[in-house]
């Protein structure tokens, strides 16, 4: 059953199954975006090993695809997807073969022979794991076809060995008329993904709550970053929370005729966390991050760069969910505007001119989008590009001071501890002196401090690998030693 609601004028469809719930955010927008290109709607590493990553996409013609990437630690003796298992057709075939039905016996033996050859060809063992009862097997050729009982949707499931015995990729594909694509169809495909995941690891739980939404190209699949994880930038965090509040209360904004900022410029030295702040803002407004890089805009062919810039803003006007449109290293995209009369300067001026035009009315046409630009060299950007009305907030992100460095380390250590705490393992000593580390790391940025932790973690892991015993937790002396080495350029 599909439940449909609206949240801040966005359609939300929910499909509840016994063990999991699927939420589809803004299905009409998803269908529109997939008219002429593939759009990713799920990209997650939340499944249990050996499943490493699950990706789902919707493309032109109503093609829905999913890929399940499994590591090389798939237990030997277990099939990748069952052919004759505990599904209705498999049970019927098994029962008839057991009663001596010669047709059933020949079908069963033939299927097992063919599939056995395929399994041996790819190093796959025999089928043993149960199948999600929502699915029934239809036929097996060089791949398996599954049909969803509720929707009648048929999927082709194929399995490929990853070169070098590095694991396996299971690919699922179905087609639905574009305008008929529903949340139930997407749930059917996700149900097949669950089936495959259970074949790979029958006893492992699957994520209980999954959300499908359009993930713009260039989005990061990393763990979400929140403003609570940002250290040493209290004033910046406070301003970002104000922006997020304006997204959360459009009624109050409309009542007072208030308009939130259309653009935010973040500038400062490299490694101070400007991109991370944009990611945190996207999370805070309950939306996504669309990251624009230089290579996505600049093109050697005449007029192509201008078309690329127009396309990016045309797509932005169609976003139905809150989105941070991030122009990273903004100066490299449209710097030196008006700097000369040569053809290169004219091309840059044309791109900059289109950017100005598109920014003039973006918020009026789509209030779901906010533009964030980052730069290490604000002096290289023409002032007209970043004037108020285009970029209403301009924030310097400086290298952190002593207190800020201690805060950043505290956040990083807390996250690492939460991520790796298991079976009584203790990564960090209980008596770390963060104030001392903040003083000792003078001049370092957040990126530098992350590298300090990475090097220290690596040293501990190598120590355990060489000796076979677990070393002591990371201590204050360990971190001070790495800070000194990094500061002196010692590798």
Protein backbone atom coordinates (compact mmCIF):
# COMPACT_ATOMS: atom_id res chain seq x y z
CA UNK A 1 0.00 0.00 0.00
CA UNK A 2 1.24 3.48 -0.91
CA UNK A 3 0.53 6.42 1.39
CA UNK A 4 0.79 9.87 -0.18
CA UNK A 5 1.28 13.10 1.78
CA UNK A 6 2.65 16.58 1.15
CA UNK A 7 5.42 18.28 3.08
CA UNK A 8 6.16 21.94 2.37
CA UNK A 9 4.39 21.55 -1.01
CA UNK A 10 6.46 18.48 -1.86
CA UNK A 11 4.75 15.17 -2.60
CA UNK A 12 5.93 12.27 -0.44
CA UNK A 13 4.93 8.64 -1.16
CA UNK A 14 5.53 5.97 1.48
CA UNK A 15 5.51 2.20 0.91
CA UNK A 16 5.54 0.04 4.04
CA UNK A 17 6.68 -3.56 3.95
CA UNK A 18 7.09 -5.93 6.90
CA UNK A 19 10.76 -5.16 7.51
CA UNK A 20 11.40 -1.89 5.72
CA UNK A 21 9.77 1.35 4.67
CA UNK A 22 10.49 3.19 1.43
CA UNK A 23 9.90 6.94 1.10
CA UNK A 24 9.82 8.49 -2.38
CA UNK A 25 10.30 12.27 -2.33
CA UNK A 26 8.74 14.28 -5.17
CA UNK A 27 7.96 11.53 -7.66
CA UNK A 28 6.70 13.97 -10.36
CA UNK A 29 10.01 15.83 -10.26
CA UNK A 30 11.84 12.51 -10.44
CA UNK A 31 9.91 11.52 -13.58
CA UNK A 32 10.51 14.93 -15.17
CA UNK A 33 14.24 14.84 -14.49
CA UNK A 34 14.51 11.36 -16.04
CA UNK A 35 12.92 12.29 -19.37
CA UNK A 36 16.24 12.83 -21.15
CA UNK A 37 18.88 11.51 -18.76
CA UNK A 38 19.54 9.00 -16.02
CA UNK A 39 19.01 10.33 -12.51
CA UNK A 40 20.35 8.60 -9.41
CA UNK A 41 17.73 8.24 -6.66
CA UNK A 42 19.63 6.11 -4.13
CA UNK A 43 23.34 5.71 -3.45
CA UNK A 44 24.06 4.17 -0.08
CA UNK A 45 26.53 2.04 1.81
CA UNK A 46 24.12 1.36 4.68
CA UNK A 47 23.66 -2.36 3.96
CA UNK A 48 25.60 -4.96 5.94
CA UNK A 49 28.68 -6.61 4.48
CA UNK A 50 29.44 -8.18 2.13
CA UNK A 51 27.16 -5.65 0.39
CA UNK A 52 29.32 -2.55 -0.07
CA UNK A 53 27.03 -0.19 -1.96
CA UNK A 54 23.53 -0.07 -3.45
CA UNK A 55 22.65 2.34 -6.23
CA UNK A 56 19.27 2.93 -7.89
CA UNK A 57 18.49 5.16 -10.86
CA UNK A 58 15.61 6.15 -13.14
CA UNK A 59 16.23 6.87 -16.81
CA UNK A 60 14.53 7.78 -20.11
CA UNK A 61 11.70 5.49 -21.11
CA UNK A 62 10.89 4.63 -17.51
CA UNK A 63 13.92 2.38 -17.12
CA UNK A 64 14.60 1.67 -13.46
CA UNK A 65 17.97 0.15 -12.65
CA UNK A 66 19.73 -0.95 -9.49
CA UNK A 67 23.24 -2.18 -8.82
CA UNK A 68 24.34 -4.12 -5.76
CA UNK A 69 28.10 -4.13 -5.25
CA UNK A 70 29.44 -6.87 -2.99
CA UNK A 71 32.94 -7.35 -1.70
CA UNK A 72 35.18 -10.35 -2.13
CA UNK A 73 34.13 -11.68 1.28
CA UNK A 74 30.88 -13.26 0.02
CA UNK A 75 30.80 -16.58 1.91
CA UNK A 76 31.74 -19.53 -0.27
CA UNK A 77 28.96 -22.08 -0.54
CA UNK A 78 26.22 -19.41 -0.90
CA UNK A 79 24.53 -18.37 -4.13
CA UNK A 80 24.32 -14.82 -5.38
CA UNK A 81 20.63 -15.18 -6.23
CA UNK A 82 18.54 -18.29 -5.75
CA UNK A 83 17.17 -20.14 -8.76
CA UNK A 84 15.21 -22.92 -7.08
CA UNK A 85 14.53 -21.64 -3.61
CA UNK A 86 11.67 -21.02 -1.17
CA UNK A 87 9.63 -18.82 -3.52
CA UNK A 88 6.17 -20.15 -4.67
CA UNK A 89 7.37 -21.40 -8.06
CA UNK A 90 10.47 -23.01 -6.57
CA UNK A 91 8.44 -24.77 -3.88
CA UNK A 92 5.91 -26.04 -6.44
CA UNK A 93 8.67 -27.33 -8.70
CA UNK A 94 10.43 -29.02 -5.79
CA UNK A 95 7.25 -30.70 -4.53
CA UNK A 96 6.34 -32.04 -7.97
CA UNK A 97 9.85 -33.36 -8.52
CA UNK A 98 9.71 -35.11 -5.15
CA UNK A 99 6.47 -36.88 -6.18
CA UNK A 100 8.18 -38.25 -9.28
CA UNK A 101 6.77 -35.82 -11.87
CA UNK A 102 9.18 -36.41 -14.78
CA UNK A 103 8.57 -33.00 -16.39
CA UNK A 104 9.31 -31.24 -13.09
CA UNK A 105 12.40 -33.37 -12.59
CA UNK A 106 13.73 -32.53 -16.07
CA UNK A 107 13.02 -28.80 -15.56
CA UNK A 108 14.63 -28.83 -12.14
CA UNK A 109 17.70 -30.77 -13.27
CA UNK A 110 18.07 -28.65 -16.39
CA UNK A 111 17.88 -25.40 -14.45
CA UNK A 112 20.33 -26.63 -11.84
CA UNK A 113 22.77 -27.80 -14.54
CA UNK A 114 22.66 -24.52 -16.45
CA UNK A 115 22.84 -22.36 -13.38
CA UNK A 116 25.54 -24.57 -11.87
CA UNK A 117 27.67 -23.96 -14.96
CA UNK A 118 27.10 -20.22 -14.67
CA UNK A 119 27.98 -20.29 -10.96
CA UNK A 120 31.14 -22.29 -11.60
CA UNK A 121 32.11 -19.97 -14.46
CA UNK A 122 32.04 -17.00 -12.08
CA UNK A 123 33.12 -18.88 -8.99
CA UNK A 124 29.56 -18.89 -7.56
CA UNK A 125 28.48 -21.75 -5.23
CA UNK A 126 25.08 -23.46 -4.97
CA UNK A 127 21.84 -21.69 -3.92
CA UNK A 128 20.78 -21.99 -0.29
CA UNK A 129 19.41 -18.67 0.97
CA UNK A 130 15.70 -17.76 1.17
CA UNK A 131 14.09 -15.34 -1.28
CA UNK A 132 11.84 -12.39 -0.45
CA UNK A 133 8.32 -13.83 -0.81
CA UNK A 134 7.19 -10.75 -2.77
CA UNK A 135 9.04 -12.18 -5.77
CA UNK A 136 8.58 -15.27 -7.89
CA UNK A 137 11.02 -16.67 -10.41
CA UNK A 138 9.78 -16.74 -13.99
CA UNK A 139 12.60 -18.20 -16.06
CA UNK A 140 16.35 -18.49 -16.22
CA UNK A 141 18.47 -18.03 -19.34
CA UNK A 142 21.80 -16.27 -19.03
CA UNK A 143 20.21 -14.23 -16.28
CA UNK A 144 17.30 -14.48 -13.85
CA UNK A 145 13.92 -12.81 -14.34
CA UNK A 146 11.90 -11.83 -11.28
CA UNK A 147 8.29 -10.68 -11.30
CA UNK A 148 6.78 -8.62 -8.51
CA UNK A 149 3.45 -10.14 -7.48
CA UNK A 150 1.84 -6.82 -6.49
CA UNK A 151 2.70 -4.69 -9.54
CA UNK A 152 3.45 -7.32 -12.19
CA UNK A 153 6.80 -5.60 -12.82
CA UNK A 154 9.42 -7.92 -14.31
CA UNK A 155 13.10 -7.40 -13.59
CA UNK A 156 16.12 -8.90 -15.26
CA UNK A 157 18.82 -9.79 -12.72
CA UNK A 158 22.35 -10.47 -13.90
CA UNK A 159 25.48 -11.09 -11.93
CA UNK A 160 29.01 -10.20 -12.94
CA UNK A 161 32.30 -11.13 -11.34
CA UNK A 162 34.46 -8.11 -10.56
CA UNK A 163 37.90 -8.52 -12.20
CA UNK A 164 40.67 -9.73 -9.96
CA UNK A 165 38.33 -11.70 -7.66
CA UNK A 166 37.43 -8.40 -6.01
CA UNK A 167 33.80 -9.25 -5.47
CA UNK A 168 30.59 -9.16 -7.44
CA UNK A 169 28.19 -6.74 -9.10
CA UNK A 170 24.52 -7.70 -9.35
CA UNK A 171 22.56 -5.59 -11.84
CA UNK A 172 18.75 -5.27 -11.85
CA UNK A 173 16.76 -3.65 -14.65
CA UNK A 174 13.07 -3.03 -15.33
CA UNK A 175 11.09 -0.76 -17.66
CA UNK A 176 7.84 1.09 -16.91
CA UNK A 177 6.01 3.59 -19.16
CA UNK A 178 7.49 6.95 -18.18
CA UNK A 179 4.23 8.58 -17.09
CA UNK A 180 3.09 5.41 -15.27
CA UNK A 181 6.15 5.10 -13.02
CA UNK A 182 4.87 4.92 -9.44
CA UNK A 183 6.21 4.58 -5.93
CA UNK A 184 4.95 0.98 -5.97
CA UNK A 185 7.20 0.25 -8.97
CA UNK A 186 10.19 1.76 -7.20
CA UNK A 187 9.36 -0.27 -4.10
CA UNK A 188 9.23 -3.40 -6.26
CA UNK A 189 12.74 -2.73 -7.54
CA UNK A 190 13.97 -2.02 -4.04
CA UNK A 191 12.34 -5.27 -2.91
CA UNK A 192 14.46 -7.09 -5.47
CA UNK A 193 17.53 -5.32 -4.10
CA UNK A 194 16.60 -6.63 -0.65
CA UNK A 195 16.27 -10.12 -2.11
CA UNK A 196 19.76 -9.94 -3.59
CA UNK A 197 21.20 -8.54 -0.35
CA UNK A 198 19.65 -11.40 1.61
CA UNK A 199 21.12 -13.94 -0.76
CA UNK A 200 24.52 -12.44 -0.15
CA UNK A 201 24.07 -12.32 3.63
CA UNK A 202 20.88 -14.04 4.85
CA UNK A 203 21.27 -13.18 8.53
CA UNK A 204 22.22 -9.51 8.12
CA UNK A 205 19.55 -6.84 8.65
CA UNK A 206 18.53 -4.49 5.84
CA UNK A 207 18.04 -0.73 6.38
CA UNK A 208 14.65 -0.17 7.99
CA UNK A 209 14.01 3.24 6.41
CA UNK A 210 15.13 4.16 2.90
CA UNK A 211 14.51 7.41 1.04
CA UNK A 212 14.52 7.84 -2.75
CA UNK A 213 15.02 11.33 -4.14
CA UNK A 214 16.81 12.83 -7.12
CA UNK A 215 20.53 13.01 -6.33
CA UNK A 216 22.06 15.60 -8.69
CA UNK A 217 25.23 14.65 -10.55
CA UNK A 218 28.30 15.51 -8.53
CA UNK A 219 26.68 14.87 -5.19
CA UNK A 220 28.89 13.30 -2.61
CA UNK A 221 27.98 9.87 -1.32
CA UNK A 222 29.85 10.44 1.87
CA UNK A 223 28.26 10.45 5.31
CA UNK A 224 26.16 13.55 5.94
CA UNK A 225 27.96 16.47 7.58
CA UNK A 226 26.01 18.54 10.10
CA UNK A 227 26.63 22.00 11.48
CA UNK A 228 27.13 20.36 14.87
CA UNK A 229 30.33 18.85 13.45
CA UNK A 230 31.77 22.26 12.50
CA UNK A 231 34.27 23.52 15.04
CA UNK A 232 35.83 26.93 15.57
CA UNK A 233 33.34 28.87 13.39
CA UNK A 234 30.55 29.77 15.79
CA UNK A 235 29.51 32.98 13.98
CA UNK A 236 29.37 31.23 10.60
CA UNK A 237 27.38 28.32 12.02
CA UNK A 238 24.91 30.75 13.61
CA UNK A 239 24.36 32.50 10.27
CA UNK A 240 23.86 29.19 8.48
CA UNK A 241 21.27 28.18 11.06
CA UNK A 242 19.39 31.40 10.29
CA UNK A 243 19.36 30.48 6.59
CA UNK A 244 18.10 26.99 7.42
CA UNK A 245 15.35 28.51 9.58
CA UNK A 246 14.16 30.60 6.63
CA UNK A 247 13.82 27.40 4.56
CA UNK A 248 11.87 25.68 7.33
CA UNK A 249 9.30 28.51 7.73
CA UNK A 250 8.25 29.78 4.28
CA UNK A 251 4.88 30.95 5.66
CA UNK A 252 6.52 33.45 8.01
CA UNK A 253 8.80 34.64 5.22
CA UNK A 254 5.84 35.18 2.89
CA UNK A 255 3.76 36.95 5.54
CA UNK A 256 6.42 39.60 6.05
CA UNK A 257 7.52 39.77 2.43
CA UNK A 258 10.98 38.70 3.54
CA UNK A 259 13.44 37.18 1.11
CA UNK A 260 16.21 34.93 2.33
CA UNK A 261 19.71 35.27 0.87
CA UNK A 262 20.00 34.04 -2.70
CA UNK A 263 23.75 33.43 -2.55
CA UNK A 264 26.53 32.93 -0.02
CA UNK A 265 30.21 33.55 -0.79
CA UNK A 266 32.72 31.71 1.40
CA UNK A 267 36.34 32.80 1.09
CA UNK A 268 39.55 32.07 2.92
CA UNK A 269 42.66 29.88 2.86
CA UNK A 270 42.59 26.34 1.49
CA UNK A 271 41.68 23.62 3.95
CA UNK A 272 39.51 25.72 6.25
CA UNK A 273 36.30 23.75 5.56
CA UNK A 274 34.42 25.86 3.03
CA UNK A 275 33.14 22.88 1.05
CA UNK A 276 32.29 21.04 4.26
CA UNK A 277 30.22 24.03 5.36
CA UNK A 278 28.23 23.88 2.13
CA UNK A 279 27.57 20.18 2.71
CA UNK A 280 26.50 20.91 6.28
CA UNK A 281 24.13 23.64 5.07
CA UNK A 282 22.53 21.20 2.61
CA UNK A 283 21.92 18.79 5.47
CA UNK A 284 20.60 21.55 7.73
CA UNK A 285 17.95 22.66 5.21
CA UNK A 286 16.91 19.03 4.70
CA UNK A 287 18.05 19.03 1.09
CA UNK A 288 20.81 17.94 -1.25
CA UNK A 289 24.11 19.31 -2.47
CA UNK A 290 24.68 19.90 -6.19
CA UNK A 291 28.40 20.51 -6.58
CA UNK A 292 29.57 22.29 -9.75
CA UNK A 293 33.22 21.89 -10.71
CA UNK A 294 35.28 23.77 -13.27
CA UNK A 295 35.35 20.84 -15.71
CA UNK A 296 31.55 20.77 -15.81
CA UNK A 297 31.41 24.31 -17.20
CA UNK A 298 34.57 25.26 -19.05
CA UNK A 299 34.90 23.74 -22.53
CA UNK A 300 37.36 24.35 -25.35
CA UNK A 301 34.63 24.58 -27.98
CA UNK A 302 33.22 28.01 -28.82
CA UNK A 303 29.96 28.65 -26.99
CA UNK A 304 29.99 25.35 -25.08
CA UNK A 305 30.92 26.91 -21.74
CA UNK A 306 28.05 29.35 -21.98
CA UNK A 307 25.62 26.53 -22.81
CA UNK A 308 26.91 24.53 -19.85
CA UNK A 309 26.27 27.43 -17.49
CA UNK A 310 22.74 27.89 -18.85
CA UNK A 311 22.03 24.17 -18.52
CA UNK A 312 23.11 24.12 -14.88
CA UNK A 313 20.70 26.93 -13.99
CA UNK A 314 17.90 25.44 -16.11
CA UNK A 315 18.22 22.24 -14.11
CA UNK A 316 18.34 24.23 -10.86
CA UNK A 317 15.00 25.84 -11.69
CA UNK A 318 13.43 22.36 -11.81
CA UNK A 319 14.62 21.18 -8.39
CA UNK A 320 11.64 20.49 -6.16
CA UNK A 321 13.54 19.85 -2.93
CA UNK A 322 15.82 22.28 -1.05
CA UNK A 323 19.18 22.32 -2.83
CA UNK A 324 22.54 23.95 -2.24
CA UNK A 325 24.03 24.76 -5.65
CA UNK A 326 27.75 24.82 -4.87
CA UNK A 327 30.25 26.49 -7.21
CA UNK A 328 33.50 25.19 -5.76
CA UNK A 329 36.68 27.16 -6.58
CA UNK A 330 34.49 29.90 -8.05
CA UNK A 331 37.46 32.00 -9.13
CA UNK A 332 38.64 29.28 -11.52
CA UNK A 333 35.25 29.25 -13.24
CA UNK A 334 34.62 32.96 -13.82
CA UNK A 335 37.67 34.89 -12.60
CA UNK A 336 39.21 37.92 -14.23
CA UNK A 337 35.92 39.09 -15.72
CA UNK A 338 36.61 42.15 -17.88
CA UNK A 339 40.37 41.60 -17.70
CA UNK A 340 41.14 41.94 -21.39
CA UNK A 341 40.09 42.01 -25.04
CA UNK A 342 41.62 38.71 -26.15
CA UNK A 343 39.41 35.76 -27.11
CA UNK A 344 40.05 33.96 -23.81
CA UNK A 345 38.92 36.97 -21.78
CA UNK A 346 35.87 37.38 -23.99
CA UNK A 347 34.89 33.75 -23.40
CA UNK A 348 35.27 34.20 -19.63
CA UNK A 349 33.24 37.40 -19.80
CA UNK A 350 30.47 35.57 -21.66
CA UNK A 351 30.29 32.86 -19.00
CA UNK A 352 30.34 35.48 -16.24
CA UNK A 353 27.61 37.44 -18.01
CA UNK A 354 25.34 34.42 -18.17
CA UNK A 355 26.01 33.71 -14.50
CA UNK A 356 24.90 37.27 -13.63
CA UNK A 357 21.71 36.96 -15.68
CA UNK A 358 20.79 33.59 -14.23
CA UNK A 359 21.41 34.74 -10.65
CA UNK A 360 19.23 37.83 -11.06
CA UNK A 361 15.95 35.91 -10.83
CA UNK A 362 16.86 32.43 -9.60
CA UNK A 363 15.29 32.80 -6.16
CA UNK A 364 12.09 34.26 -7.65
CA UNK A 365 11.73 31.31 -10.03
CA UNK A 366 12.78 28.61 -7.56
CA UNK A 367 13.02 29.48 -3.85
CA UNK A 368 14.18 25.92 -3.11
CA UNK A 369 17.69 26.71 -4.37
CA UNK A 370 20.44 28.65 -2.65
CA UNK A 371 23.81 29.26 -4.35
CA UNK A 372 27.05 28.89 -2.42
CA UNK A 373 30.38 29.82 -3.99
CA UNK A 374 33.78 29.12 -2.45
CA UNK A 375 37.14 30.63 -3.30
CA UNK A 376 40.64 30.89 -1.92
CA UNK A 377 41.24 34.08 -3.94
CA UNK A 378 38.32 36.53 -3.63
CA UNK A 379 40.37 39.32 -5.22
CA UNK A 380 40.27 37.45 -8.54
CA UNK A 381 36.48 37.69 -8.77
CA UNK A 382 34.88 40.70 -10.40
CA UNK A 383 32.89 42.68 -7.81
CA UNK A 384 29.76 42.82 -10.00
CA UNK A 385 29.45 39.04 -9.87
CA UNK A 386 29.18 38.94 -6.10
CA UNK A 387 27.31 42.13 -5.35
CA UNK A 388 24.35 42.13 -2.96
CA UNK A 389 21.29 40.71 -4.65
CA UNK A 390 23.41 37.93 -6.06
CA UNK A 391 25.51 37.09 -3.01
CA UNK A 392 23.88 38.68 0.01
CA UNK A 393 26.17 36.97 2.52
CA UNK A 394 29.96 37.09 2.24
CA UNK A 395 31.80 35.20 4.94
CA UNK A 396 35.50 34.91 5.53
CA UNK A 397 36.47 31.42 6.69
CA UNK A 398 39.84 31.97 8.38
CA UNK A 399 42.36 29.44 9.59
CA UNK A 400 41.18 28.35 13.06
CA UNK A 401 42.67 29.85 16.20
CA UNK A 402 43.85 27.81 19.19
CA UNK A 403 40.35 27.33 20.60
CA UNK A 404 38.98 26.54 17.14
CA UNK A 405 41.62 23.87 16.53
CA UNK A 406 40.75 22.21 19.85
CA UNK A 407 37.07 22.26 18.86
CA UNK A 408 37.78 20.76 15.45
CA UNK A 409 39.84 17.96 16.97
CA UNK A 410 37.09 17.29 19.51
CA UNK A 411 34.48 16.90 16.74
CA UNK A 412 36.72 14.69 14.61
CA UNK A 413 37.70 12.45 17.53
CA UNK A 414 34.08 12.13 18.62
CA UNK A 415 33.01 11.07 15.11
CA UNK A 416 35.85 8.56 14.74
CA UNK A 417 35.09 7.09 18.15
CA UNK A 418 31.41 6.66 17.30
CA UNK A 419 32.21 5.13 13.91
CA UNK A 420 34.78 2.59 15.08
CA UNK A 421 33.63 1.72 18.59
CA UNK A 422 32.97 -2.04 18.55
CA UNK A 423 33.75 -5.07 20.71
CA UNK A 424 35.34 -2.95 23.41
CA UNK A 425 37.82 -1.38 20.99
CA UNK A 426 39.16 1.98 22.20
CA UNK A 427 40.76 4.15 19.53
CA UNK A 428 41.69 7.15 21.69
CA UNK A 429 43.03 7.40 25.21
CA UNK A 430 40.63 8.83 27.77
CA UNK A 431 43.02 11.55 28.95
CA UNK A 432 43.59 13.49 25.71
CA UNK A 433 44.39 17.16 26.38
CA UNK A 434 42.66 18.91 23.48
CA UNK A 435 43.65 22.38 24.71
CA UNK A 436 47.30 21.32 24.61
CA UNK A 437 46.87 19.90 21.10
CA UNK A 438 45.19 23.14 20.02
CA UNK A 439 48.22 25.13 21.22
CA UNK A 440 50.70 22.69 19.69
CA UNK A 441 49.06 22.79 16.23
CA UNK A 442 49.44 26.53 15.61
CA UNK A 443 48.88 27.51 11.98
CA UNK A 444 47.10 24.31 11.02
CA UNK A 445 43.76 24.19 9.21
CA UNK A 446 40.96 21.69 9.63
CA UNK A 447 42.35 19.71 6.67
CA UNK A 448 45.75 19.59 8.37
CA UNK A 449 44.22 18.28 11.59
CA UNK A 450 42.34 15.60 9.67
CA UNK A 451 45.66 14.55 8.14
CA UNK A 452 47.20 14.39 11.63
CA UNK A 453 44.52 11.93 12.68
CA UNK A 454 44.82 9.91 9.47
CA UNK A 455 48.58 9.51 9.87
CA UNK A 456 48.25 8.54 13.51
CA UNK A 457 45.55 5.99 12.76
CA UNK A 458 47.71 4.56 9.97
CA UNK A 459 50.71 4.25 12.27
CA UNK A 460 48.66 2.32 14.83
CA UNK A 461 47.19 0.02 12.17
CA UNK A 462 50.64 -0.73 10.73
CA UNK A 463 51.98 -1.42 14.22
CA UNK A 464 49.21 -4.00 14.76
CA UNK A 465 49.76 -5.50 11.29
CA UNK A 466 53.50 -5.95 11.91
CA UNK A 467 53.36 -7.27 15.47
CA UNK A 468 50.03 -9.07 15.54
CA UNK A 469 49.02 -7.37 18.80
CA UNK A 470 46.75 -4.42 19.37
CA UNK A 471 48.70 -1.29 20.35
CA UNK A 472 47.64 1.14 23.05
CA UNK A 473 44.96 3.73 22.17
CA UNK A 474 46.08 6.94 20.48
CA UNK A 475 47.55 9.18 23.15
CA UNK A 476 48.30 12.86 23.46
CA UNK A 477 52.00 12.14 22.81
CA UNK A 478 51.11 10.23 19.62
CA UNK A 479 49.15 13.18 18.28
CA UNK A 480 51.77 15.75 19.31
CA UNK A 481 54.43 13.68 17.56
CA UNK A 482 52.40 13.56 14.33
CA UNK A 483 51.68 17.30 14.51
CA UNK A 484 55.41 17.99 14.79
CA UNK A 485 56.19 15.67 11.88
CA UNK A 486 53.53 17.23 9.67
CA UNK A 487 54.62 20.74 10.60
CA UNK A 488 58.22 19.97 9.69
CA UNK A 489 57.28 18.26 6.43
CA UNK A 490 58.43 14.83 7.64
CA UNK A 491 56.59 12.00 5.88
